[in-house]
């Protein structure tokens, strides 16, 4: 391949012919990813625990001119991802991209009285089942169906790259574990021509993790903004480009990478909370 010309630039982000499966796609970052993949020409498969929300997101993509299908699945259930990917192969087509995005917050941060002495077994187990085991189940199932040229993208977090007093103990633990899962999987699958990468978002508006289930207050948003060199929280538009890049032809020589999308927050090592 030679130097890309202006005429060839659109091909760098063209996903025409791809079947892209996104877990946790019924809201937040997963939904934003599904929408940008559809806009780039992919057939998108929206996965989430809520059948009604999955159907709504898929319908919205179709209404916007894209191609989408929806399936309800809980990634924390053993074997569920293998089963749904088998259905997708039969009913939609063989996936070429699998995005392991599903995740939950799982309790209060220690700044909000989420002390480890009071952290329950149920809270810990629920987060590990979804964020860590669910991601493992997703990427293992993906490795079983993807062919050469396939791509896996995992949504991690800046909370897996540093301590983060704004989220729970289980959350930081699972997100740190995901990062080495990605690196090791990238080494195994590289000889098969399958790329594996992770995106590590920082504080974002519009996610069920960053916001909980309600809108954050202006005071909360201002507090988050103080921890970010660019001076604001991220929006869904800020994450769509990086998530598209990592599964697109533009990233054809990128694997085992962790891309932080955080407004410079990780670089600000001297901040005090």
C-alpha atoms as a PDB file:
ATOM      1  CA  UNK A   1       0.000   0.000   0.000  1.00  0.00           C
ATOM      2  CA  UNK A   2       1.319   3.416  -0.944  1.00  0.00           C
ATOM      3  CA  UNK A   3       0.826   6.810   0.630  1.00  0.00           C
ATOM      4  CA  UNK A   4      -2.883   7.570   1.029  1.00  0.00           C
ATOM      5  CA  UNK A   5      -4.189  10.292  -1.251  1.00  0.00           C
ATOM      6  CA  UNK A   6      -7.067  12.656  -0.544  1.00  0.00           C
ATOM      7  CA  UNK A   7      -9.308  10.480  -2.678  1.00  0.00           C
ATOM      8  CA  UNK A   8      -8.414   7.462  -0.584  1.00  0.00           C
ATOM      9  CA  UNK A   9      -9.035   9.023   2.810  1.00  0.00           C
ATOM     10  CA  UNK A  10     -12.648   7.833   3.160  1.00  0.00           C
ATOM     11  CA  UNK A  11     -11.493   4.228   2.861  1.00  0.00           C
ATOM     12  CA  UNK A  12      -9.522   4.557   6.093  1.00  0.00           C
ATOM     13  CA  UNK A  13     -12.729   4.622   8.140  1.00  0.00           C
ATOM     14  CA  UNK A  14     -14.981   2.615   5.833  1.00  0.00           C
ATOM     15  CA  UNK A  15     -16.604  -0.364   7.571  1.00  0.00           C
ATOM     16  CA  UNK A  16     -18.719  -1.467   4.612  1.00  0.00           C
ATOM     17  CA  UNK A  17     -18.938  -5.247   4.629  1.00  0.00           C
ATOM     18  CA  UNK A  18     -18.274  -5.507   8.361  1.00  0.00           C
ATOM     19  CA  UNK A  19     -20.624  -7.055  10.882  1.00  0.00           C
ATOM     20  CA  UNK A  20     -19.917  -5.281  14.178  1.00  0.00           C
ATOM     21  CA  UNK A  21     -21.222  -6.668  17.474  1.00  0.00           C
ATOM     22  CA  UNK A  22     -21.316  -4.255  20.440  1.00  0.00           C
ATOM     23  CA  UNK A  23     -22.154  -5.319  23.993  1.00  0.00           C
ATOM     24  CA  UNK A  24     -23.634  -2.792  26.396  1.00  0.00           C
ATOM     25  CA  UNK A  25     -24.919  -0.918  23.357  1.00  0.00           C
ATOM     26  CA  UNK A  26     -28.312   0.074  24.714  1.00  0.00           C
ATOM     27  CA  UNK A  27     -26.961   3.324  26.199  1.00  0.00           C
ATOM     28  CA  UNK A  28     -23.914   5.516  26.674  1.00  0.00           C
ATOM     29  CA  UNK A  29     -20.604   4.708  25.030  1.00  0.00           C
ATOM     30  CA  UNK A  30     -21.865   1.437  23.567  1.00  0.00           C
ATOM     31  CA  UNK A  31     -24.770   3.154  21.858  1.00  0.00           C
ATOM     32  CA  UNK A  32     -22.500   5.926  20.561  1.00  0.00           C
ATOM     33  CA  UNK A  33     -20.126   3.306  19.162  1.00  0.00           C
ATOM     34  CA  UNK A  34     -22.925   1.353  17.502  1.00  0.00           C
ATOM     35  CA  UNK A  35     -24.204   4.526  15.845  1.00  0.00           C
ATOM     36  CA  UNK A  36     -20.831   5.580  14.446  1.00  0.00           C
ATOM     37  CA  UNK A  37     -20.112   2.076  13.159  1.00  0.00           C
ATOM     38  CA  UNK A  38     -23.427   2.083  11.327  1.00  0.00           C
ATOM     39  CA  UNK A  39     -22.656   5.508   9.895  1.00  0.00           C
ATOM     40  CA  UNK A  40     -19.349   4.078   8.624  1.00  0.00           C
ATOM     41  CA  UNK A  41     -21.251   1.413   6.684  1.00  0.00           C
ATOM     42  CA  UNK A  42     -21.226  -1.592   9.015  1.00  0.00           C
ATOM     43  CA  UNK A  43     -24.099  -3.892   9.821  1.00  0.00           C
ATOM     44  CA  UNK A  44     -24.336  -3.362  13.575  1.00  0.00           C
ATOM     45  CA  UNK A  45     -25.584  -5.860  16.144  1.00  0.00           C
ATOM     46  CA  UNK A  46     -26.754  -4.104  19.316  1.00  0.00           C
ATOM     47  CA  UNK A  47     -26.482  -6.213  22.486  1.00  0.00           C
ATOM     48  CA  UNK A  48     -27.741  -5.306  25.947  1.00  0.00           C
ATOM     49  CA  UNK A  49     -29.645  -6.705  28.910  1.00  0.00           C
ATOM     50  CA  UNK A  50     -32.837  -4.742  28.213  1.00  0.00           C
ATOM     51  CA  UNK A  51     -34.721  -6.063  25.181  1.00  0.00           C
ATOM     52  CA  UNK A  52     -36.723  -2.858  24.865  1.00  0.00           C
ATOM     53  CA  UNK A  53     -33.689  -0.557  24.955  1.00  0.00           C
ATOM     54  CA  UNK A  54     -31.820  -2.779  22.499  1.00  0.00           C
ATOM     55  CA  UNK A  55     -34.783  -2.616  20.131  1.00  0.00           C
ATOM     56  CA  UNK A  56     -34.992   1.169  20.478  1.00  0.00           C
ATOM     57  CA  UNK A  57     -31.302   1.688  19.675  1.00  0.00           C
ATOM     58  CA  UNK A  58     -31.427  -0.656  16.696  1.00  0.00           C
ATOM     59  CA  UNK A  59     -34.578   1.049  15.406  1.00  0.00           C
ATOM     60  CA  UNK A  60     -32.932   4.462  15.762  1.00  0.00           C
ATOM     61  CA  UNK A  61     -29.960   3.324  13.692  1.00  0.00           C
ATOM     62  CA  UNK A  62     -32.250   1.965  10.978  1.00  0.00           C
ATOM     63  CA  UNK A  63     -34.283   5.185  10.993  1.00  0.00           C
ATOM     64  CA  UNK A  64     -31.066   7.128  10.433  1.00  0.00           C
ATOM     65  CA  UNK A  65     -30.303   5.056   7.359  1.00  0.00           C
ATOM     66  CA  UNK A  66     -28.084   2.410   8.915  1.00  0.00           C
ATOM     67  CA  UNK A  67     -28.350  -1.352   9.257  1.00  0.00           C
ATOM     68  CA  UNK A  68     -28.841  -2.814  12.732  1.00  0.00           C
ATOM     69  CA  UNK A  69     -30.133  -5.831  14.612  1.00  0.00           C
ATOM     70  CA  UNK A  70     -30.752  -6.184  18.330  1.00  0.00           C
ATOM     71  CA  UNK A  71     -30.427  -9.095  20.759  1.00  0.00           C
ATOM     72  CA  UNK A  72     -30.971  -9.133  24.506  1.00  0.00           C
ATOM     73  CA  UNK A  73     -28.128 -10.811  26.393  1.00  0.00           C
ATOM     74  CA  UNK A  74     -26.507 -10.642  29.826  1.00  0.00           C
ATOM     75  CA  UNK A  75     -22.744 -10.985  29.383  1.00  0.00           C
ATOM     76  CA  UNK A  76     -22.361 -12.087  33.012  1.00  0.00           C
ATOM     77  CA  UNK A  77     -24.217 -15.340  32.286  1.00  0.00           C
ATOM     78  CA  UNK A  78     -21.833 -18.163  31.472  1.00  0.00           C
ATOM     79  CA  UNK A  79     -22.156 -19.248  27.859  1.00  0.00           C
ATOM     80  CA  UNK A  80     -24.510 -16.432  26.915  1.00  0.00           C
ATOM     81  CA  UNK A  81     -22.060 -14.778  24.529  1.00  0.00           C
ATOM     82  CA  UNK A  82     -21.218 -18.029  22.787  1.00  0.00           C
ATOM     83  CA  UNK A  83     -24.935 -18.653  22.296  1.00  0.00           C
ATOM     84  CA  UNK A  84     -25.755 -15.188  20.964  1.00  0.00           C
ATOM     85  CA  UNK A  85     -22.769 -15.107  18.599  1.00  0.00           C
ATOM     86  CA  UNK A  86     -23.864 -18.458  17.202  1.00  0.00           C
ATOM     87  CA  UNK A  87     -27.298 -16.945  16.528  1.00  0.00           C
ATOM     88  CA  UNK A  88     -25.729 -13.886  14.944  1.00  0.00           C
ATOM     89  CA  UNK A  89     -23.615 -16.030  12.593  1.00  0.00           C
ATOM     90  CA  UNK A  90     -26.762 -17.852  11.504  1.00  0.00           C
ATOM     91  CA  UNK A  91     -29.163 -14.893  11.333  1.00  0.00           C
ATOM     92  CA  UNK A  92     -27.023 -11.860  10.440  1.00  0.00           C
ATOM     93  CA  UNK A  93     -23.638 -13.079   9.265  1.00  0.00           C
ATOM     94  CA  UNK A  94     -20.244 -13.861  10.714  1.00  0.00           C
ATOM     95  CA  UNK A  95     -19.000 -10.981  12.887  1.00  0.00           C
ATOM     96  CA  UNK A  96     -15.807  -9.268  11.800  1.00  0.00           C
ATOM     97  CA  UNK A  97     -15.631  -6.934  14.814  1.00  0.00           C
ATOM     98  CA  UNK A  98     -16.636  -7.565  18.432  1.00  0.00           C
ATOM     99  CA  UNK A  99     -16.689  -4.684  20.911  1.00  0.00           C
ATOM    100  CA  UNK A 100     -16.723  -5.753  24.578  1.00  0.00           C
ATOM    101  CA  UNK A 101     -18.192  -2.633  26.111  1.00  0.00           C
ATOM    102  CA  UNK A 102     -20.648  -3.820  28.779  1.00  0.00           C
ATOM    103  CA  UNK A 103     -19.818  -2.650  32.299  1.00  0.00           C
ATOM    104  CA  UNK A 104     -21.343  -1.495  35.567  1.00  0.00           C
ATOM    105  CA  UNK A 105     -20.137   0.782  38.349  1.00  0.00           C
ATOM    106  CA  UNK A 106     -20.980  -1.413  41.332  1.00  0.00           C
ATOM    107  CA  UNK A 107     -21.252   0.716  44.424  1.00  0.00           C
ATOM    108  CA  UNK A 108     -20.056   4.019  45.771  1.00  0.00           C
ATOM    109  CA  UNK A 109     -16.557   5.439  45.640  1.00  0.00           C
ATOM    110  CA  UNK A 110     -14.724   5.855  48.905  1.00  0.00           C
ATOM    111  CA  UNK A 111     -15.337   9.583  48.557  1.00  0.00           C
ATOM    112  CA  UNK A 112     -19.040   8.798  48.835  1.00  0.00           C
ATOM    113  CA  UNK A 113     -18.749   6.475  51.860  1.00  0.00           C
ATOM    114  CA  UNK A 114     -17.853   3.438  49.761  1.00  0.00           C
ATOM    115  CA  UNK A 115     -15.395   2.204  52.382  1.00  0.00           C
ATOM    116  CA  UNK A 116     -13.835  -1.195  51.842  1.00  0.00           C
ATOM    117  CA  UNK A 117     -14.891  -2.323  55.318  1.00  0.00           C
ATOM    118  CA  UNK A 118     -18.521  -1.842  54.276  1.00  0.00           C
ATOM    119  CA  UNK A 119     -18.193  -3.155  50.714  1.00  0.00           C
ATOM    120  CA  UNK A 120     -20.462  -6.166  50.338  1.00  0.00           C
ATOM    121  CA  UNK A 121     -19.788  -9.513  48.726  1.00  0.00           C
ATOM    122  CA  UNK A 122     -22.808  -8.966  46.493  1.00  0.00           C
ATOM    123  CA  UNK A 123     -21.467  -5.653  45.159  1.00  0.00           C
ATOM    124  CA  UNK A 124     -18.038  -7.140  44.504  1.00  0.00           C
ATOM    125  CA  UNK A 125     -19.380 -10.280  42.834  1.00  0.00           C
ATOM    126  CA  UNK A 126     -21.810  -8.397  40.583  1.00  0.00           C
ATOM    127  CA  UNK A 127     -19.130  -6.084  39.186  1.00  0.00           C
ATOM    128  CA  UNK A 128     -16.619  -8.876  38.608  1.00  0.00           C
ATOM    129  CA  UNK A 129     -19.285 -10.983  36.892  1.00  0.00           C
ATOM    130  CA  UNK A 130     -20.106  -8.221  34.398  1.00  0.00           C
ATOM    131  CA  UNK A 131     -16.923  -6.217  33.960  1.00  0.00           C
ATOM    132  CA  UNK A 132     -14.243  -8.895  34.163  1.00  0.00           C
ATOM    133  CA  UNK A 133     -15.846 -12.296  33.642  1.00  0.00           C
ATOM    134  CA  UNK A 134     -18.324 -10.808  31.166  1.00  0.00           C
ATOM    135  CA  UNK A 135     -15.492  -9.263  29.171  1.00  0.00           C
ATOM    136  CA  UNK A 136     -13.602 -12.557  29.255  1.00  0.00           C
ATOM    137  CA  UNK A 137     -16.698 -14.430  28.073  1.00  0.00           C
ATOM    138  CA  UNK A 138     -17.139 -11.890  25.263  1.00  0.00           C
ATOM    139  CA  UNK A 139     -13.587 -11.965  23.939  1.00  0.00           C
ATOM    140  CA  UNK A 140     -13.370 -15.755  24.246  1.00  0.00           C
ATOM    141  CA  UNK A 141     -16.571 -16.139  22.247  1.00  0.00           C
ATOM    142  CA  UNK A 142     -15.257 -13.598  19.732  1.00  0.00           C
ATOM    143  CA  UNK A 143     -12.002 -15.520  19.296  1.00  0.00           C
ATOM    144  CA  UNK A 144     -14.053 -18.595  18.410  1.00  0.00           C
ATOM    145  CA  UNK A 145     -15.925 -16.930  15.536  1.00  0.00           C
ATOM    146  CA  UNK A 146     -13.592 -14.261  14.166  1.00  0.00           C
ATOM    147  CA  UNK A 147     -11.542 -14.974  11.074  1.00  0.00           C
ATOM    148  CA  UNK A 148      -8.310 -13.321   9.847  1.00  0.00           C
ATOM    149  CA  UNK A 149      -8.846  -9.594   9.599  1.00  0.00           C
ATOM    150  CA  UNK A 150     -11.146  -9.612  12.613  1.00  0.00           C
ATOM    151  CA  UNK A 151     -10.940  -7.054  15.365  1.00  0.00           C
ATOM    152  CA  UNK A 152     -11.738  -6.997  19.079  1.00  0.00           C
ATOM    153  CA  UNK A 153     -12.118  -3.748  21.000  1.00  0.00           C
ATOM    154  CA  UNK A 154     -12.543  -3.654  24.775  1.00  0.00           C
ATOM    155  CA  UNK A 155     -13.814  -0.675  26.748  1.00  0.00           C
ATOM    156  CA  UNK A 156     -11.542  -0.283  29.754  1.00  0.00           C
ATOM    157  CA  UNK A 157     -11.172   2.948  31.751  1.00  0.00           C
ATOM    158  CA  UNK A 158      -8.586   5.375  33.012  1.00  0.00           C
ATOM    159  CA  UNK A 159      -9.601   3.914  36.387  1.00  0.00           C
ATOM    160  CA  UNK A 160      -7.697   0.798  35.333  1.00  0.00           C
ATOM    161  CA  UNK A 161      -4.525   2.805  34.775  1.00  0.00           C
ATOM    162  CA  UNK A 162      -4.437   4.713  38.060  1.00  0.00           C
ATOM    163  CA  UNK A 163      -6.231   4.954  41.373  1.00  0.00           C
ATOM    164  CA  UNK A 164      -9.584   6.659  41.117  1.00  0.00           C
ATOM    165  CA  UNK A 165     -11.454   7.740  44.254  1.00  0.00           C
ATOM    166  CA  UNK A 166     -14.567   8.530  42.203  1.00  0.00           C
ATOM    167  CA  UNK A 167     -15.491   4.891  41.461  1.00  0.00           C
ATOM    168  CA  UNK A 168     -15.841   1.665  43.432  1.00  0.00           C
ATOM    169  CA  UNK A 169     -13.147  -0.784  44.509  1.00  0.00           C
ATOM    170  CA  UNK A 170     -14.544  -3.484  42.247  1.00  0.00           C
ATOM    171  CA  UNK A 171     -14.654  -1.121  39.279  1.00  0.00           C
ATOM    172  CA  UNK A 172     -10.977  -0.121  39.456  1.00  0.00           C
ATOM    173  CA  UNK A 173      -9.995  -3.749  39.999  1.00  0.00           C
ATOM    174  CA  UNK A 174     -11.907  -5.072  37.000  1.00  0.00           C
ATOM    175  CA  UNK A 175     -10.771  -2.316  34.676  1.00  0.00           C
ATOM    176  CA  UNK A 176      -7.125  -2.930  35.609  1.00  0.00           C
ATOM    177  CA  UNK A 177      -7.577  -6.644  34.942  1.00  0.00           C
ATOM    178  CA  UNK A 178      -9.114  -6.006  31.540  1.00  0.00           C
ATOM    179  CA  UNK A 179      -5.961  -4.249  30.360  1.00  0.00           C
ATOM    180  CA  UNK A 180      -3.708  -7.289  30.740  1.00  0.00           C
ATOM    181  CA  UNK A 181      -6.422  -9.483  29.268  1.00  0.00           C
ATOM    182  CA  UNK A 182      -6.293  -7.288  26.164  1.00  0.00           C
ATOM    183  CA  UNK A 183      -2.505  -7.341  25.937  1.00  0.00           C
ATOM    184  CA  UNK A 184      -2.258 -11.113  26.326  1.00  0.00           C
ATOM    185  CA  UNK A 185      -5.088 -11.774  23.888  1.00  0.00           C
ATOM    186  CA  UNK A 186      -3.457  -9.470  21.341  1.00  0.00           C
ATOM    187  CA  UNK A 187      -0.318 -11.621  21.424  1.00  0.00           C
ATOM    188  CA  UNK A 188      -2.247 -14.846  20.941  1.00  0.00           C
ATOM    189  CA  UNK A 189      -4.450 -13.628  18.106  1.00  0.00           C
ATOM    190  CA  UNK A 190      -1.875 -11.589  16.157  1.00  0.00           C
ATOM    191  CA  UNK A 191      -0.626 -14.654  14.217  1.00  0.00           C
ATOM    192  CA  UNK A 192      -4.236 -15.243  13.143  1.00  0.00           C
ATOM    193  CA  UNK A 193      -4.437 -11.699  11.777  1.00  0.00           C
ATOM    194  CA  UNK A 194      -6.870 -10.539  14.467  1.00  0.00           C
ATOM    195  CA  UNK A 195      -6.226  -7.217  16.193  1.00  0.00           C
ATOM    196  CA  UNK A 196      -7.125  -6.612  19.849  1.00  0.00           C
ATOM    197  CA  UNK A 197      -7.121  -3.163  21.459  1.00  0.00           C
ATOM    198  CA  UNK A 198      -8.676  -1.264  24.339  1.00  0.00           C
ATOM    199  CA  UNK A 199     -10.041   2.204  24.799  1.00  0.00           C
ATOM    200  CA  UNK A 200      -9.761   3.827  28.215  1.00  0.00           C
ATOM    201  CA  UNK A 201     -12.293   6.642  28.612  1.00  0.00           C
ATOM    202  CA  UNK A 202     -11.967   9.183  31.367  1.00  0.00           C
ATOM    203  CA  UNK A 203     -14.900  11.120  32.857  1.00  0.00           C
ATOM    204  CA  UNK A 204     -17.726  11.251  30.327  1.00  0.00           C
ATOM    205  CA  UNK A 205     -21.216  12.704  30.365  1.00  0.00           C
ATOM    206  CA  UNK A 206     -24.038  10.527  29.146  1.00  0.00           C
ATOM    207  CA  UNK A 207     -22.867   7.168  30.501  1.00  0.00           C
ATOM    208  CA  UNK A 208     -24.692   5.061  33.055  1.00  0.00           C
ATOM    209  CA  UNK A 209     -21.384   4.724  34.906  1.00  0.00           C
ATOM    210  CA  UNK A 210     -20.216   8.325  34.808  1.00  0.00           C
ATOM    211  CA  UNK A 211     -23.625   9.784  35.566  1.00  0.00           C
ATOM    212  CA  UNK A 212     -25.340   6.940  37.388  1.00  0.00           C
ATOM    213  CA  UNK A 213     -28.892   6.888  36.084  1.00  0.00           C
ATOM    214  CA  UNK A 214     -29.628  10.589  36.393  1.00  0.00           C
ATOM    215  CA  UNK A 215     -28.162  13.793  35.054  1.00  0.00           C
ATOM    216  CA  UNK A 216     -25.172  15.055  36.991  1.00  0.00           C
ATOM    217  CA  UNK A 217     -25.446  18.452  38.642  1.00  0.00           C
ATOM    218  CA  UNK A 218     -23.510  21.483  37.395  1.00  0.00           C
ATOM    219  CA  UNK A 219     -21.482  21.311  40.607  1.00  0.00           C
ATOM    220  CA  UNK A 220     -20.527  17.691  39.957  1.00  0.00           C
ATOM    221  CA  UNK A 221     -19.613  18.459  36.383  1.00  0.00           C
ATOM    222  CA  UNK A 222     -17.462  21.388  37.501  1.00  0.00           C
ATOM    223  CA  UNK A 223     -15.711  19.125  39.996  1.00  0.00           C
ATOM    224  CA  UNK A 224     -14.896  16.597  37.306  1.00  0.00           C
ATOM    225  CA  UNK A 225     -13.730  19.365  34.955  1.00  0.00           C
ATOM    226  CA  UNK A 226     -11.136  20.452  37.513  1.00  0.00           C
ATOM    227  CA  UNK A 227      -9.422  17.054  37.137  1.00  0.00           C
ATOM    228  CA  UNK A 228      -9.153  17.330  33.337  1.00  0.00           C
ATOM    229  CA  UNK A 229      -6.538  19.531  31.607  1.00  0.00           C
ATOM    230  CA  UNK A 230      -8.926  20.269  28.710  1.00  0.00           C
ATOM    231  CA  UNK A 231     -11.299  21.678  31.318  1.00  0.00           C
ATOM    232  CA  UNK A 232     -14.449  19.662  30.647  1.00  0.00           C
ATOM    233  CA  UNK A 233     -15.970  16.200  30.783  1.00  0.00           C
ATOM    234  CA  UNK A 234     -16.089  14.157  27.603  1.00  0.00           C
ATOM    235  CA  UNK A 235     -19.201  13.778  25.467  1.00  0.00           C
ATOM    236  CA  UNK A 236     -20.326  10.843  23.372  1.00  0.00           C
ATOM    237  CA  UNK A 237     -19.064  12.628  20.256  1.00  0.00           C
ATOM    238  CA  UNK A 238     -15.571  12.664  21.790  1.00  0.00           C
ATOM    239  CA  UNK A 239     -15.431   8.863  22.047  1.00  0.00           C
ATOM    240  CA  UNK A 240     -16.907   7.965  18.663  1.00  0.00           C
ATOM    241  CA  UNK A 241     -13.827   8.877  16.623  1.00  0.00           C
ATOM    242  CA  UNK A 242     -11.371   6.861  18.740  1.00  0.00           C
ATOM    243  CA  UNK A 243     -13.694   3.840  18.815  1.00  0.00           C
ATOM    244  CA  UNK A 244     -14.093   4.009  15.049  1.00  0.00           C
ATOM    245  CA  UNK A 245     -10.340   4.394  14.515  1.00  0.00           C
ATOM    246  CA  UNK A 246      -9.392   1.301  16.515  1.00  0.00           C
ATOM    247  CA  UNK A 247     -11.587  -1.051  14.462  1.00  0.00           C
ATOM    248  CA  UNK A 248     -11.045   0.662  11.102  1.00  0.00           C
ATOM    249  CA  UNK A 249      -8.478   0.162   8.328  1.00  0.00           C
ATOM    250  CA  UNK A 250      -6.744   3.289   9.672  1.00  0.00           C
ATOM    251  CA  UNK A 251      -5.524   1.184  12.629  1.00  0.00           C
ATOM    252  CA  UNK A 252      -4.418  -1.813  10.562  1.00  0.00           C
ATOM    253  CA  UNK A 253      -1.004  -1.918  12.307  1.00  0.00           C
ATOM    254  CA  UNK A 254      -2.309  -1.314  15.839  1.00  0.00           C
ATOM    255  CA  UNK A 255      -2.788  -4.179  18.277  1.00  0.00           C
ATOM    256  CA  UNK A 256      -2.289  -4.601  22.009  1.00  0.00           C
ATOM    257  CA  UNK A 257      -2.768  -0.847  22.452  1.00  0.00           C
ATOM    258  CA  UNK A 258      -4.559   1.022  25.234  1.00  0.00           C
ATOM    259  CA  UNK A 259      -5.896   4.361  23.975  1.00  0.00           C
ATOM    260  CA  UNK A 260      -6.781   6.832  26.727  1.00  0.00           C
ATOM    261  CA  UNK A 261      -9.552   9.257  25.800  1.00  0.00           C
ATOM    262  CA  UNK A 262      -9.532  11.462  28.859  1.00  0.00           C
ATOM    263  CA  UNK A 263      -8.839  15.093  28.019  1.00  0.00           C
ATOM    264  CA  UNK A 264      -5.310  14.713  29.410  1.00  0.00           C
ATOM    265  CA  UNK A 265      -6.398  13.507  32.859  1.00  0.00           C
ATOM    266  CA  UNK A 266      -3.803  10.730  33.079  1.00  0.00           C
ATOM    267  CA  UNK A 267      -1.022  13.202  32.343  1.00  0.00           C
ATOM    268  CA  UNK A 268      -2.019  15.348  35.319  1.00  0.00           C
ATOM    269  CA  UNK A 269      -0.147  13.300  37.892  1.00  0.00           C
ATOM    270  CA  UNK A 270       0.088  16.030  40.543  1.00  0.00           C
ATOM    271  CA  UNK A 271      -3.605  16.632  41.069  1.00  0.00           C
ATOM    272  CA  UNK A 272      -5.008  16.342  44.586  1.00  0.00           C
ATOM    273  CA  UNK A 273      -8.507  15.130  45.412  1.00  0.00           C
END
